[in-house]
Amino acid sequence: MTKDLAATLTDPAFLFAVLVAVAVFATFYTLASPFLERGDLNKRMKAVSTERDMMRARERARMNADASKTTLRTQNNQSVRQIVERFNLRKALVDDNTVNRLRAAGLRTQNALNVFLVARFLLPFVFLTLAVLWIFVLGNLTDRPFAIRMLVAIVVAYVGFYLPNIYISNRVTKRQHSIKRAWPDALDLMLICVESGISIEAGMRRVAEEMSSQSPELAEEMVLTTAELSFLPDRRVALENLGTRTQLDIVKNVTQALIQAERYGTPIAQALRVLAQEGRDERMNEAEKKAAALPPKLTVPMILFFLPVLVAVILGPAGIQVSDKF
């Protein structure tokens, strides 16, 4: 019996029939399984809702954890606002240029303006107090006349008054440098988006995503412009705001080209291509200017550090020989 069972199991015809049966069953199960499954839409919706609640909980936890790392753009300092309102600093120190400079520096909130005004109001008194303590209390500049010491204290107070402006100017310069370097590449990407049939809003959003690693400042400005294009009644105002915030001529030229294209219905692909080439040429010219300015800048260090060493190396052995002979 064992021999018969072994012969049956090793029979090629029997093995072929078993394989065919398995293949038929697998095919039937594959075709029928979608029809045999029960609808679990409610289960999936419940899972999605649970996942959404978990994501919200994680975001709230992250925001609470980052609450201590607030900046000028996120916090709302009530004491600073009270100082500004009590002394009416907006009327005394604020004009259109001040607001535009703060926007160009990336500080757009009302709290940032309040902090800037309070800094300009308090820093002169702080610097004056420190100068008086250093000069009159600690006994420095005692060999100078009293008028000279008072003049030094007043000059230090003026430095404190203009120190916030210096900080804002440095921040604007760094921000403009970052935007200017990445602007030609952003125009090339925008040109590709426009030629492929994408709208300006979608193109700017896509360019902002692509340029976020190269220039976060430019990506931020484009995202803000996209938002303004979506909700402002006049698109021209949104494009003009981009040029006002950046305060760069190359950006203003592009915004004017976009405004004219929307007003007259002209194609903007050629204009974007020309403006991108101009921006790239300007960037290359600046690099060439810096390279051309290197020889004059290196003259003084070479005279002070390289020339004495070179003279010592060349004339040193001859001087030693002359001193040995005489």
C-alpha atoms as a PDB file:
ATOM      1  CA  MET A   1       0.000   0.000   0.000  1.00  0.00           C
ATOM      2  CA  THR A   2       2.860   2.313   0.794  1.00  0.00           C
ATOM      3  CA  LYS A   3       4.381   1.573  -2.566  1.00  0.00           C
ATOM      4  CA  ASP A   4       1.104   2.353  -4.281  1.00  0.00           C
ATOM      5  CA  LEU A   5       0.774   5.672  -2.420  1.00  0.00           C
ATOM      6  CA  ALA A   6       4.341   6.643  -3.267  1.00  0.00           C
ATOM      7  CA  ALA A   7       3.786   5.702  -6.882  1.00  0.00           C
ATOM      8  CA  THR A   8       0.610   7.779  -6.975  1.00  0.00           C
ATOM      9  CA  LEU A   9       2.306  10.824  -5.397  1.00  0.00           C
ATOM     10  CA  THR A  10       5.223  10.616  -7.806  1.00  0.00           C
ATOM     11  CA  ASP A  11       3.036  10.096 -10.822  1.00  0.00           C
ATOM     12  CA  PRO A  12       3.583  13.031 -13.227  1.00  0.00           C
ATOM     13  CA  ALA A  13      -0.039  13.010 -14.294  1.00  0.00           C
ATOM     14  CA  PHE A  14      -1.195  13.249 -10.668  1.00  0.00           C
ATOM     15  CA  LEU A  15       1.248  16.095  -9.905  1.00  0.00           C
ATOM     16  CA  PHE A  16       0.154  17.968 -13.017  1.00  0.00           C
ATOM     17  CA  ALA A  17      -3.519  17.609 -12.011  1.00  0.00           C
ATOM     18  CA  VAL A  18      -2.755  18.923  -8.493  1.00  0.00           C
ATOM     19  CA  LEU A  19      -0.855  21.926  -9.844  1.00  0.00           C
ATOM     20  CA  VAL A  20      -3.679  22.713 -12.277  1.00  0.00           C
ATOM     21  CA  ALA A  21      -6.223  22.525  -9.443  1.00  0.00           C
ATOM     22  CA  VAL A  22      -4.144  24.871  -7.262  1.00  0.00           C
ATOM     23  CA  ALA A  23      -3.765  27.337 -10.134  1.00  0.00           C
ATOM     24  CA  VAL A  24      -7.508  27.281 -10.855  1.00  0.00           C
ATOM     25  CA  PHE A  25      -8.336  27.826  -7.190  1.00  0.00           C
ATOM     26  CA  ALA A  26      -5.848  30.717  -6.898  1.00  0.00           C
ATOM     27  CA  THR A  27      -7.273  32.360 -10.010  1.00  0.00           C
ATOM     28  CA  PHE A  28     -10.822  31.960  -8.788  1.00  0.00           C
ATOM     29  CA  TYR A  29      -9.925  33.366  -5.357  1.00  0.00           C
ATOM     30  CA  THR A  30      -8.138  36.341  -6.904  1.00  0.00           C
ATOM     31  CA  LEU A  31     -11.113  37.208  -9.090  1.00  0.00           C
ATOM     32  CA  ALA A  32     -13.755  36.613  -6.423  1.00  0.00           C
ATOM     33  CA  SER A  33     -11.983  38.207  -3.413  1.00  0.00           C
ATOM     34  CA  PRO A  34     -13.028  41.819  -4.278  1.00  0.00           C
ATOM     35  CA  PHE A  35     -16.660  40.750  -4.398  1.00  0.00           C
ATOM     36  CA  LEU A  36     -16.431  38.785  -1.153  1.00  0.00           C
ATOM     37  CA  GLU A  37     -14.944  41.649   0.896  1.00  0.00           C
ATOM     38  CA  ARG A  38     -17.304  43.562   3.108  1.00  0.00           C
ATOM     39  CA  GLY A  39     -17.533  47.334   2.874  1.00  0.00           C
ATOM     40  CA  ASP A  40     -15.438  48.871   5.667  1.00  0.00           C
ATOM     41  CA  LEU A  41     -15.961  52.523   4.795  1.00  0.00           C
ATOM     42  CA  ASN A  42     -17.074  53.378   8.305  1.00  0.00           C
ATOM     43  CA  LYS A  43     -14.030  51.687   9.751  1.00  0.00           C
ATOM     44  CA  ARG A  44     -11.697  53.582   7.447  1.00  0.00           C
ATOM     45  CA  MET A  45     -13.393  56.910   8.171  1.00  0.00           C
ATOM     46  CA  LYS A  46     -13.042  56.247  11.882  1.00  0.00           C
ATOM     47  CA  ALA A  47      -9.355  55.461  11.417  1.00  0.00           C
ATOM     48  CA  VAL A  48      -8.849  58.676   9.438  1.00  0.00           C
ATOM     49  CA  SER A  49     -10.649  60.691  12.116  1.00  0.00           C
ATOM     50  CA  THR A  50      -8.516  59.119  14.820  1.00  0.00           C
ATOM     51  CA  GLU A  51      -5.351  59.877  12.859  1.00  0.00           C
ATOM     52  CA  ARG A  52      -6.486  63.487  12.374  1.00  0.00           C
ATOM     53  CA  ASP A  53      -7.012  63.883  16.123  1.00  0.00           C
ATOM     54  CA  MET A  54      -3.587  62.423  16.782  1.00  0.00           C
ATOM     55  CA  MET A  55      -1.993  64.853  14.310  1.00  0.00           C
ATOM     56  CA  ARG A  56      -3.736  67.782  15.971  1.00  0.00           C
ATOM     57  CA  ALA A  57      -2.543  66.632  19.378  1.00  0.00           C
ATOM     58  CA  ARG A  58       1.039  66.368  18.078  1.00  0.00           C
ATOM     59  CA  GLU A  59       0.876  69.850  16.539  1.00  0.00           C
ATOM     60  CA  ARG A  60      -0.494  71.340  19.764  1.00  0.00           C
ATOM     61  CA  ALA A  61       2.280  69.679  21.742  1.00  0.00           C
ATOM     62  CA  ARG A  62       4.898  70.989  19.324  1.00  0.00           C
ATOM     63  CA  MET A  63       3.514  74.521  19.465  1.00  0.00           C
ATOM     64  CA  ASN A  64       3.426  74.403  23.263  1.00  0.00           C
ATOM     65  CA  ALA A  65       7.006  73.171  23.298  1.00  0.00           C
ATOM     66  CA  ASP A  66       8.085  75.999  20.996  1.00  0.00           C
ATOM     67  CA  ALA A  67       6.167  78.653  22.934  1.00  0.00           C
ATOM     68  CA  SER A  68       9.291  79.602  24.846  1.00  0.00           C
ATOM     69  CA  LYS A  69      11.135  80.224  21.571  1.00  0.00           C
ATOM     70  CA  THR A  70       8.965  83.089  20.441  1.00  0.00           C
ATOM     71  CA  THR A  71      10.389  85.813  18.225  1.00  0.00           C
ATOM     72  CA  LEU A  72       9.435  89.313  17.246  1.00  0.00           C
ATOM     73  CA  ARG A  73       7.075  87.860  14.667  1.00  0.00           C
ATOM     74  CA  THR A  74       5.183  85.552  16.988  1.00  0.00           C
ATOM     75  CA  GLN A  75       5.006  87.074  20.446  1.00  0.00           C
ATOM     76  CA  ASN A  76       2.753  89.913  21.536  1.00  0.00           C
ATOM     77  CA  ASN A  77       4.375  91.921  24.301  1.00  0.00           C
ATOM     78  CA  GLN A  78       1.722  93.885  26.146  1.00  0.00           C
ATOM     79  CA  SER A  79       4.185  95.983  28.152  1.00  0.00           C
ATOM     80  CA  VAL A  80       5.906  97.174  24.977  1.00  0.00           C
ATOM     81  CA  ARG A  81       2.575  98.117  23.462  1.00  0.00           C
ATOM     82  CA  GLN A  82       1.620 100.077  26.577  1.00  0.00           C
ATOM     83  CA  ILE A  83       4.885 102.051  26.444  1.00  0.00           C
ATOM     84  CA  VAL A  84       4.291 102.897  22.790  1.00  0.00           C
ATOM     85  CA  GLU A  85       0.742 104.053  23.462  1.00  0.00           C
ATOM     86  CA  ARG A  86       1.590 106.018  26.606  1.00  0.00           C
ATOM     87  CA  PHE A  87       4.369 108.068  24.999  1.00  0.00           C
ATOM     88  CA  ASN A  88       2.699 108.163  21.552  1.00  0.00           C
ATOM     89  CA  LEU A  89       5.842 106.865  19.875  1.00  0.00           C
ATOM     90  CA  ARG A  90       4.121 106.026  16.590  1.00  0.00           C
ATOM     91  CA  LYS A  91       3.411 109.660  15.885  1.00  0.00           C
ATOM     92  CA  ALA A  92       6.915 110.762  16.867  1.00  0.00           C
ATOM     93  CA  LEU A  93       9.085 108.080  15.265  1.00  0.00           C
ATOM     94  CA  VAL A  94       7.061 106.241  12.604  1.00  0.00           C
ATOM     95  CA  ASP A  95       6.719 107.148   8.940  1.00  0.00           C
ATOM     96  CA  ASP A  96       6.132 105.200   5.739  1.00  0.00           C
ATOM     97  CA  ASN A  97       9.850 104.607   5.250  1.00  0.00           C
ATOM     98  CA  THR A  98      10.169 103.062   8.725  1.00  0.00           C
ATOM     99  CA  VAL A  99       7.389 100.577   8.078  1.00  0.00           C
ATOM    100  CA  ASN A 100       8.819  99.680   4.657  1.00  0.00           C
ATOM    101  CA  ARG A 101      12.283  99.135   6.121  1.00  0.00           C
ATOM    102  CA  LEU A 102      10.893  96.816   8.758  1.00  0.00           C
ATOM    103  CA  ARG A 103       9.012  94.875   6.086  1.00  0.00           C
ATOM    104  CA  ALA A 104      12.165  94.652   3.999  1.00  0.00           C
ATOM    105  CA  ALA A 105      13.915  93.227   7.066  1.00  0.00           C
ATOM    106  CA  GLY A 106      11.236  90.553   7.416  1.00  0.00           C
ATOM    107  CA  LEU A 107       9.513  92.144  10.436  1.00  0.00           C
ATOM    108  CA  ARG A 108       5.895  92.714   9.474  1.00  0.00           C
ATOM    109  CA  THR A 109       3.913  92.384  12.681  1.00  0.00           C
ATOM    110  CA  GLN A 110       2.702  95.237  14.840  1.00  0.00           C
ATOM    111  CA  ASN A 111       4.644  93.834  17.765  1.00  0.00           C
ATOM    112  CA  ALA A 112       7.900  94.111  15.813  1.00  0.00           C
ATOM    113  CA  LEU A 113       7.168  97.782  15.164  1.00  0.00           C
ATOM    114  CA  ASN A 114       6.430  98.325  18.859  1.00  0.00           C
ATOM    115  CA  VAL A 115       9.701  96.684  19.906  1.00  0.00           C
ATOM    116  CA  PHE A 116      11.609  98.796  17.395  1.00  0.00           C
ATOM    117  CA  LEU A 117      10.045 102.016  18.682  1.00  0.00           C
ATOM    118  CA  VAL A 118      10.662 101.130  22.325  1.00  0.00           C
ATOM    119  CA  ALA A 119      14.286 100.270  21.500  1.00  0.00           C
ATOM    120  CA  ARG A 120      14.789 103.656  19.829  1.00  0.00           C
ATOM    121  CA  PHE A 121      13.157 105.360  22.800  1.00  0.00           C
ATOM    122  CA  LEU A 122      14.959 103.562  25.647  1.00  0.00           C
ATOM    123  CA  LEU A 123      18.418 102.803  24.257  1.00  0.00           C
ATOM    124  CA  PRO A 124      19.575 106.465  24.246  1.00  0.00           C
ATOM    125  CA  PHE A 125      18.820 106.737  27.979  1.00  0.00           C
ATOM    126  CA  VAL A 126      20.473 103.384  28.663  1.00  0.00           C
ATOM    127  CA  PHE A 127      23.608 104.305  26.723  1.00  0.00           C
ATOM    128  CA  LEU A 128      23.703 107.757  28.311  1.00  0.00           C
ATOM    129  CA  THR A 129      23.480 106.230  31.799  1.00  0.00           C
ATOM    130  CA  LEU A 130      26.268 103.770  31.031  1.00  0.00           C
ATOM    131  CA  ALA A 131      28.449 106.539  29.572  1.00  0.00           C
ATOM    132  CA  VAL A 132      27.909 108.774  32.636  1.00  0.00           C
ATOM    133  CA  LEU A 133      28.770 105.886  34.958  1.00  0.00           C
ATOM    134  CA  TRP A 134      31.893 105.041  32.954  1.00  0.00           C
ATOM    135  CA  ILE A 135      33.111 108.636  32.701  1.00  0.00           C
ATOM    136  CA  PHE A 136      32.089 110.341  35.935  1.00  0.00           C
ATOM    137  CA  VAL A 137      31.601 107.507  38.433  1.00  0.00           C
ATOM    138  CA  LEU A 138      34.451 105.202  37.414  1.00  0.00           C
ATOM    139  CA  GLY A 139      36.764 108.166  36.828  1.00  0.00           C
ATOM    140  CA  ASN A 140      37.653 107.692  33.155  1.00  0.00           C
ATOM    141  CA  LEU A 141      38.766 110.593  30.910  1.00  0.00           C
ATOM    142  CA  THR A 142      39.682 112.633  33.972  1.00  0.00           C
ATOM    143  CA  ASP A 143      42.431 114.434  32.058  1.00  0.00           C
ATOM    144  CA  ARG A 144      39.855 115.826  29.611  1.00  0.00           C
ATOM    145  CA  PRO A 145      37.768 118.957  30.161  1.00  0.00           C
ATOM    146  CA  PHE A 146      34.216 118.634  31.444  1.00  0.00           C
ATOM    147  CA  ALA A 147      32.756 119.731  28.091  1.00  0.00           C
ATOM    148  CA  ILE A 148      34.631 116.958  26.255  1.00  0.00           C
ATOM    149  CA  ARG A 149      33.364 114.345  28.709  1.00  0.00           C
ATOM    150  CA  MET A 150      29.790 115.541  28.316  1.00  0.00           C
ATOM    151  CA  LEU A 151      30.194 115.508  24.537  1.00  0.00           C
ATOM    152  CA  VAL A 152      31.378 111.884  24.702  1.00  0.00           C
ATOM    153  CA  ALA A 153      28.330 110.945  26.799  1.00  0.00           C
ATOM    154  CA  ILE A 154      25.983 112.669  24.323  1.00  0.00           C
ATOM    155  CA  VAL A 155      27.655 110.926  21.373  1.00  0.00           C
ATOM    156  CA  VAL A 156      27.185 107.561  23.086  1.00  0.00           C
ATOM    157  CA  ALA A 157      23.491 108.416  23.598  1.00  0.00           C
ATOM    158  CA  TYR A 158      23.154 109.199  19.872  1.00  0.00           C
ATOM    159  CA  VAL A 159      24.754 105.851  19.082  1.00  0.00           C
ATOM    160  CA  GLY A 160      22.089 104.174  21.206  1.00  0.00           C
ATOM    161  CA  PHE A 161      19.383 106.090  19.340  1.00  0.00           C
ATOM    162  CA  TYR A 162      20.612 104.951  15.921  1.00  0.00           C
ATOM    163  CA  LEU A 163      21.597 101.416  16.947  1.00  0.00           C
ATOM    164  CA  PRO A 164      18.152  99.900  16.063  1.00  0.00           C
ATOM    165  CA  ASN A 165      18.382 101.535  12.618  1.00  0.00           C
ATOM    166  CA  ILE A 166      21.831 100.018  12.112  1.00  0.00           C
ATOM    167  CA  TYR A 167      20.504  96.589  13.083  1.00  0.00           C
ATOM    168  CA  ILE A 168      17.571  96.913  10.671  1.00  0.00           C
ATOM    169  CA  SER A 169      19.876  98.113   7.868  1.00  0.00           C
ATOM    170  CA  ASN A 170      22.189  95.129   8.317  1.00  0.00           C
ATOM    171  CA  ARG A 171      19.239  92.765   8.333  1.00  0.00           C
ATOM    172  CA  VAL A 172      17.790  94.357   5.189  1.00  0.00           C
ATOM    173  CA  THR A 173      21.165  94.088   3.440  1.00  0.00           C
ATOM    174  CA  LYS A 174      21.529  90.386   4.237  1.00  0.00           C
ATOM    175  CA  ARG A 175      17.950  89.684   3.189  1.00  0.00           C
ATOM    176  CA  GLN A 176      18.313  91.566  -0.094  1.00  0.00           C
ATOM    177  CA  HIS A 177      21.584  89.791  -0.828  1.00  0.00           C
ATOM    178  CA  SER A 178      19.911  86.404  -0.383  1.00  0.00           C
ATOM    179  CA  ILE A 179      16.958  87.385  -2.583  1.00  0.00           C
ATOM    180  CA  LYS A 180      19.187  88.906  -5.264  1.00  0.00           C
ATOM    181  CA  ARG A 181      21.334  85.786  -5.557  1.00  0.00           C
ATOM    182  CA  ALA A 182      18.354  83.443  -5.909  1.00  0.00           C
ATOM    183  CA  TRP A 183      16.141  85.711  -8.012  1.00  0.00           C
ATOM    184  CA  PRO A 184      17.408  84.694 -11.512  1.00  0.00           C
ATOM    185  CA  ASP A 185      16.936  81.003 -10.703  1.00  0.00           C
ATOM    186  CA  ALA A 186      13.457  81.729  -9.372  1.00  0.00           C
ATOM    187  CA  LEU A 187      12.589  83.545 -12.611  1.00  0.00           C
ATOM    188  CA  ASP A 188      13.768  80.555 -14.647  1.00  0.00           C
ATOM    189  CA  LEU A 189      11.542  78.248 -12.636  1.00  0.00           C
ATOM    190  CA  MET A 190       8.636  80.662 -12.950  1.00  0.00           C
ATOM    191  CA  LEU A 191       9.217  80.841 -16.705  1.00  0.00           C
ATOM    192  CA  ILE A 192       9.026  77.050 -16.911  1.00  0.00           C
ATOM    193  CA  CYS A 193       5.797  77.061 -14.926  1.00  0.00           C
ATOM    194  CA  VAL A 194       4.235  79.803 -17.074  1.00  0.00           C
ATOM    195  CA  GLU A 195       5.194  78.137 -20.350  1.00  0.00           C
ATOM    196  CA  SER A 196       3.694  74.866 -19.132  1.00  0.00           C
ATOM    197  CA  GLY A 197       0.327  76.574 -18.644  1.00  0.00           C
ATOM    198  CA  ILE A 198       0.374  77.062 -14.857  1.00  0.00           C
ATOM    199  CA  SER A 199      -1.114  80.256 -13.425  1.00  0.00           C
ATOM    200  CA  ILE A 200       0.979  82.888 -11.680  1.00  0.00           C
ATOM    201  CA  GLU A 201      -0.297  81.913  -8.228  1.00  0.00           C
ATOM    202  CA  ALA A 202       0.433  78.214  -8.696  1.00  0.00           C
ATOM    203  CA  GLY A 203       3.791  79.014 -10.312  1.00  0.00           C
ATOM    204  CA  MET A 204       4.862  81.226  -7.416  1.00  0.00           C
ATOM    205  CA  ARG A 205       3.783  78.587  -4.929  1.00  0.00           C
ATOM    206  CA  ARG A 206       5.769  75.956  -6.771  1.00  0.00           C
ATOM    207  CA  VAL A 207       8.818  78.217  -7.055  1.00  0.00           C
ATOM    208  CA  ALA A 208       8.596  78.997  -3.330  1.00  0.00           C
ATOM    209  CA  GLU A 209       8.697  75.279  -2.552  1.00  0.00           C
ATOM    210  CA  GLU A 210      11.714  74.760  -4.789  1.00  0.00           C
ATOM    211  CA  MET A 211      13.621  77.838  -3.534  1.00  0.00           C
ATOM    212  CA  SER A 212      13.018  77.272   0.170  1.00  0.00           C
ATOM    213  CA  SER A 213      16.386  75.582   0.641  1.00  0.00           C
ATOM    214  CA  GLN A 214      18.384  78.059  -1.456  1.00  0.00           C
ATOM    215  CA  SER A 215      16.767  81.268  -0.208  1.00  0.00           C
ATOM    216  CA  PRO A 216      14.175  81.023   2.582  1.00  0.00           C
ATOM    217  CA  GLU A 217      13.683  84.799   2.390  1.00  0.00           C
ATOM    218  CA  LEU A 218      12.652  84.682  -1.271  1.00  0.00           C
ATOM    219  CA  ALA A 219      10.403  81.676  -0.623  1.00  0.00           C
ATOM    220  CA  GLU A 220       8.711  83.563   2.199  1.00  0.00           C
ATOM    221  CA  GLU A 221       8.088  86.613   0.026  1.00  0.00           C
ATOM    222  CA  MET A 222       6.635  84.497  -2.781  1.00  0.00           C
ATOM    223  CA  VAL A 223       4.335  82.636  -0.417  1.00  0.00           C
ATOM    224  CA  LEU A 224       3.094  85.939   0.977  1.00  0.00           C
ATOM    225  CA  THR A 225       2.568  87.292  -2.543  1.00  0.00           C
ATOM    226  CA  THR A 226       0.605  84.159  -3.458  1.00  0.00           C
ATOM    227  CA  ALA A 227      -1.650  84.683  -0.456  1.00  0.00           C
ATOM    228  CA  GLU A 228      -2.201  88.348  -1.354  1.00  0.00           C
ATOM    229  CA  LEU A 229      -3.004  87.430  -4.946  1.00  0.00           C
ATOM    230  CA  SER A 230      -5.671  85.098  -3.612  1.00  0.00           C
ATOM    231  CA  PHE A 231      -7.558  87.471  -1.315  1.00  0.00           C
ATOM    232  CA  LEU A 232      -6.775  91.035  -2.409  1.00  0.00           C
ATOM    233  CA  PRO A 233      -9.380  92.545  -4.764  1.00  0.00           C
ATOM    234  CA  ASP A 234      -6.692  94.131  -6.960  1.00  0.00           C
ATOM    235  CA  ARG A 235      -3.873  91.863  -8.104  1.00  0.00           C
ATOM    236  CA  ARG A 236      -1.761  94.890  -8.993  1.00  0.00           C
ATOM    237  CA  VAL A 237      -1.543  95.823  -5.311  1.00  0.00           C
ATOM    238  CA  ALA A 238      -0.244  92.355  -4.402  1.00  0.00           C
ATOM    239  CA  LEU A 239       2.492  92.535  -7.033  1.00  0.00           C
ATOM    240  CA  GLU A 240       3.457  96.062  -6.018  1.00  0.00           C
ATOM    241  CA  ASN A 241       3.672  94.953  -2.404  1.00  0.00           C
ATOM    242  CA  LEU A 242       6.281  92.387  -3.418  1.00  0.00           C
ATOM    243  CA  GLY A 243       8.510  95.108  -4.840  1.00  0.00           C
ATOM    244  CA  THR A 244       7.905  97.346  -1.822  1.00  0.00           C
ATOM    245  CA  ARG A 245       8.801  94.638   0.668  1.00  0.00           C
ATOM    246  CA  THR A 246      12.007  93.614  -1.082  1.00  0.00           C
ATOM    247  CA  GLN A 247      13.056  97.145  -2.189  1.00  0.00           C
ATOM    248  CA  LEU A 248      15.043  95.688  -5.086  1.00  0.00           C
ATOM    249  CA  ASP A 249      14.964  97.086  -8.608  1.00  0.00           C
ATOM    250  CA  ILE A 250      15.183  93.652 -10.245  1.00  0.00           C
ATOM    251  CA  VAL A 251      12.090  92.523  -8.347  1.00  0.00           C
ATOM    252  CA  LYS A 252      10.225  95.736  -9.145  1.00  0.00           C
ATOM    253  CA  ASN A 253      10.968  95.278 -12.852  1.00  0.00           C
ATOM    254  CA  VAL A 254       9.441  91.810 -12.804  1.00  0.00           C
ATOM    255  CA  THR A 255       6.369  92.992 -10.909  1.00  0.00           C
ATOM    256  CA  GLN A 256       5.851  95.802 -13.404  1.00  0.00           C
ATOM    257  CA  ALA A 257       6.125  93.301 -16.260  1.00  0.00           C
ATOM    258  CA  LEU A 258       3.511  91.079 -14.611  1.00  0.00           C
ATOM    259  CA  ILE A 259       1.210  94.068 -14.025  1.00  0.00           C
ATOM    260  CA  GLN A 260       1.460  95.173 -17.661  1.00  0.00           C
ATOM    261  CA  ALA A 261       0.894  91.614 -18.869  1.00  0.00           C
ATOM    262  CA  GLU A 262      -2.298  91.355 -16.819  1.00  0.00           C
ATOM    263  CA  ARG A 263      -3.474  94.795 -17.909  1.00  0.00           C
ATOM    264  CA  TYR A 264      -2.904  94.398 -21.648  1.00  0.00           C
ATOM    265  CA  GLY A 265      -3.045  90.612 -21.976  1.00  0.00           C
ATOM    266  CA  THR A 266       0.464  90.284 -23.394  1.00  0.00           C
ATOM    267  CA  PRO A 267       2.560  87.102 -22.972  1.00  0.00           C
ATOM    268  CA  ILE A 268       5.040  87.306 -20.143  1.00  0.00           C
ATOM    269  CA  ALA A 269       7.301  84.367 -21.034  1.00  0.00           C
ATOM    270  CA  GLN A 270       9.659  86.456 -23.154  1.00  0.00           C
ATOM    271  CA  ALA A 271       9.736  89.240 -20.564  1.00  0.00           C
ATOM    272  CA  LEU A 272      10.563  86.767 -17.803  1.00  0.00           C
ATOM    273  CA  ARG A 273      13.322  85.241 -19.920  1.00  0.00           C
ATOM    274  CA  VAL A 274      14.892  88.655 -20.587  1.00  0.00           C
ATOM    275  CA  LEU A 275      14.593  89.741 -16.946  1.00  0.00           C
ATOM    276  CA  ALA A 276      16.114  86.478 -15.739  1.00  0.00           C
ATOM    277  CA  GLN A 277      19.069  86.974 -18.064  1.00  0.00           C
ATOM    278  CA  GLU A 278      19.481  90.562 -16.854  1.00  0.00           C
ATOM    279  CA  GLY A 279      19.471  89.414 -13.237  1.00  0.00           C
ATOM    280  CA  ARG A 280      22.035  86.749 -14.006  1.00  0.00           C
ATOM    281  CA  ASP A 281      24.239  89.266 -15.822  1.00  0.00           C
ATOM    282  CA  GLU A 282      23.991  91.665 -12.890  1.00  0.00           C
ATOM    283  CA  ARG A 283      24.981  88.910 -10.498  1.00  0.00           C
ATOM    284  CA  MET A 284      27.970  88.071 -12.682  1.00  0.00           C
ATOM    285  CA  ASN A 285      28.970  91.749 -12.871  1.00  0.00           C
ATOM    286  CA  GLU A 286      28.947  91.995  -9.095  1.00  0.00           C
ATOM    287  CA  ALA A 287      31.162  88.919  -8.855  1.00  0.00           C
ATOM    288  CA  GLU A 288      33.554  90.434 -11.401  1.00  0.00           C
ATOM    289  CA  LYS A 289      33.643  93.709  -9.443  1.00  0.00           C
ATOM    290  CA  LYS A 290      34.571  91.843  -6.286  1.00  0.00           C
ATOM    291  CA  ALA A 291      37.272  89.928  -8.150  1.00  0.00           C
ATOM    292  CA  ALA A 292      38.652  93.155  -9.650  1.00  0.00           C
ATOM    293  CA  ALA A 293      38.752  94.777  -6.191  1.00  0.00           C
ATOM    294  CA  LEU A 294      40.933  92.034  -4.713  1.00  0.00           C
ATOM    295  CA  PRO A 295      44.365  93.269  -5.969  1.00  0.00           C
ATOM    296  CA  PRO A 296      44.084  96.737  -4.353  1.00  0.00           C
ATOM    297  CA  LYS A 297      42.830  95.159  -1.134  1.00  0.00           C
ATOM    298  CA  LEU A 298      45.722  92.688  -1.093  1.00  0.00           C
ATOM    299  CA  THR A 299      48.379  95.372  -1.647  1.00  0.00           C
ATOM    300  CA  VAL A 300      48.572  96.579   1.941  1.00  0.00           C
ATOM    301  CA  PRO A 301      48.643  93.078   3.539  1.00  0.00           C
ATOM    302  CA  MET A 302      51.351  92.006   1.097  1.00  0.00           C
ATOM    303  CA  ILE A 303      53.455  95.092   1.892  1.00  0.00           C
ATOM    304  CA  LEU A 304      53.040  94.670   5.642  1.00  0.00           C
ATOM    305  CA  PHE A 305      53.442  90.903   5.950  1.00  0.00           C
ATOM    306  CA  PHE A 306      54.993  89.388   2.820  1.00  0.00           C
ATOM    307  CA  LEU A 307      57.533  92.023   1.781  1.00  0.00           C
ATOM    308  CA  PRO A 308      59.491  92.182   5.103  1.00  0.00           C
ATOM    309  CA  VAL A 309      59.730  88.398   5.223  1.00  0.00           C
ATOM    310  CA  LEU A 310      60.853  88.275   1.590  1.00  0.00           C
ATOM    311  CA  VAL A 311      63.499  90.935   2.206  1.00  0.00           C
ATOM    312  CA  ALA A 312      64.725  89.095   5.292  1.00  0.00           C
ATOM    313  CA  VAL A 313      64.976  85.801   3.378  1.00  0.00           C
ATOM    314  CA  ILE A 314      66.846  87.386   0.453  1.00  0.00           C
ATOM    315  CA  LEU A 315      69.158  89.767   2.315  1.00  0.00           C
ATOM    316  CA  GLY A 316      69.553  87.711   5.498  1.00  0.00           C
ATOM    317  CA  PRO A 317      72.332  85.375   4.282  1.00  0.00           C
ATOM    318  CA  ALA A 318      74.202  88.281   2.622  1.00  0.00           C
ATOM    319  CA  GLY A 319      74.022  90.310   5.837  1.00  0.00           C
ATOM    320  CA  ILE A 320      75.351  87.383   7.874  1.00  0.00           C
ATOM    321  CA  GLN A 321      78.289  86.933   5.499  1.00  0.00           C
ATOM    322  CA  VAL A 322      79.106  90.648   5.575  1.00  0.00           C
ATOM    323  CA  SER A 323      78.979  90.688   9.397  1.00  0.00           C
ATOM    324  CA  ASP A 324      81.346  87.639   9.551  1.00  0.00           C
ATOM    325  CA  LYS A 325      83.899  89.350   7.284  1.00  0.00           C
ATOM    326  CA  PHE A 326      83.901  92.648   9.138  1.00  0.00           C
END
